[in-house]
Protein backbone atom coordinates (compact mmCIF):
# COMPACT_ATOMS: atom_id res chain seq x y z
CA UNK A 1 -20.49 86.99 -22.03
CA UNK A 2 -17.61 86.67 -24.31
CA UNK A 3 -17.60 83.72 -26.91
CA UNK A 4 -14.36 82.57 -24.99
CA UNK A 5 -16.21 82.27 -21.88
CA UNK A 6 -19.40 80.53 -23.84
CA UNK A 7 -16.85 78.09 -25.24
CA UNK A 8 -15.23 77.45 -21.75
CA UNK A 9 -18.61 76.72 -20.13
CA UNK A 10 -19.77 74.40 -23.04
CA UNK A 11 -16.33 72.44 -22.53
CA UNK A 12 -17.00 72.38 -18.74
CA UNK A 13 -20.74 71.06 -19.27
CA UNK A 14 -19.29 68.38 -21.73
CA UNK A 15 -16.84 67.23 -19.48
CA UNK A 16 -19.13 66.63 -16.49
CA UNK A 17 -21.62 64.95 -19.06
CA UNK A 18 -18.74 62.55 -19.94
CA UNK A 19 -18.07 61.86 -16.36
CA UNK A 20 -21.92 61.16 -15.75
CA UNK A 21 -21.73 58.99 -18.79
CA UNK A 22 -18.61 56.83 -17.57
CA UNK A 23 -20.28 56.40 -14.18
CA UNK A 24 -23.41 55.11 -15.59
CA UNK A 25 -21.40 52.81 -17.64
CA UNK A 26 -19.39 51.34 -14.92
CA UNK A 27 -22.36 50.81 -12.73
CA UNK A 28 -24.46 48.89 -15.46
CA UNK A 29 -21.12 46.88 -15.95
CA UNK A 30 -20.66 45.65 -12.36
CA UNK A 31 -22.12 42.02 -11.93
CA UNK A 32 -25.01 41.75 -10.03
CA UNK A 33 -24.49 39.28 -6.96
CA UNK A 34 -26.58 36.33 -6.99
CA UNK A 35 -28.48 35.04 -3.99
CA UNK A 36 -27.42 32.10 -2.25
CA UNK A 37 -29.95 29.06 -2.82
CA UNK A 38 -31.58 26.56 -0.82
CA UNK A 39 -29.81 23.97 -2.42
CA UNK A 40 -26.49 25.65 -2.21
CA UNK A 41 -26.88 25.95 1.48
CA UNK A 42 -28.09 22.40 1.94
CA UNK A 43 -25.29 20.90 0.20
CA UNK A 44 -22.77 22.57 2.11
CA UNK A 45 -24.56 21.62 5.30
CA UNK A 46 -24.69 17.94 4.12
CA UNK A 47 -21.00 18.00 3.44
CA UNK A 48 -20.25 19.42 6.95
CA UNK A 49 -22.35 16.53 8.29
CA UNK A 50 -20.63 13.96 6.23
CA UNK A 51 -17.21 15.19 7.88
CA UNK A 52 -18.61 14.51 11.15
CA UNK A 53 -19.80 18.15 12.05
CA UNK A 54 -23.39 17.29 12.87
CA UNK A 55 -23.33 19.34 16.35
CA UNK A 56 -21.92 22.44 14.83
CA UNK A 57 -24.25 22.24 11.74
CA UNK A 58 -27.31 21.88 14.33
CA UNK A 59 -26.00 24.70 16.31
CA UNK A 60 -25.81 26.95 13.22
CA UNK A 61 -29.35 26.04 12.23
CA UNK A 62 -30.64 27.05 15.74
CA UNK A 63 -28.46 30.33 15.54
CA UNK A 64 -30.67 31.03 12.46
CA UNK A 65 -33.80 30.15 13.87
CA UNK A 66 -34.65 26.59 13.08
CA UNK A 67 -34.29 22.93 13.70
CA UNK A 68 -34.07 22.35 10.07
CA UNK A 69 -32.76 24.20 7.07
CA UNK A 70 -36.47 24.81 5.76
CA UNK A 71 -37.27 26.72 9.00
CA UNK A 72 -34.73 29.50 7.97
CA UNK A 73 -35.82 32.59 6.06
CA UNK A 74 -33.74 32.58 2.82
CA UNK A 75 -32.53 36.30 3.40
CA UNK A 76 -30.43 34.62 6.08
CA UNK A 77 -28.82 32.13 3.62
CA UNK A 78 -25.72 34.17 2.66
CA UNK A 79 -24.76 34.83 6.50
CA UNK A 80 -25.29 31.02 7.15
CA UNK A 81 -23.13 30.05 4.13
CA UNK A 82 -20.34 32.30 5.61
CA UNK A 83 -20.71 30.24 8.99
CA UNK A 84 -20.79 27.15 7.48
CA UNK A 85 -17.47 27.75 5.60
CA UNK A 86 -15.79 28.69 9.04
CA UNK A 87 -16.50 24.94 10.46
């Protein structure tokens, strides 16, 4: 292999490494989404109830498997919050 070919291959490898490094930096800089907490859901539900939406809140709780918020699995809080916002 000639020197020109070696230099070309080294540059190609270097460019590939830069792309990988850029991708890794971008991935680590993306903010992680925080999980919706029990308190956030409880507060949102309380506001809806105060605004006269008790029946809709009760229906949502049943939809997600409970008669009260503590009956509902925390993994469902994000979806529940989206539904609460639609009331």
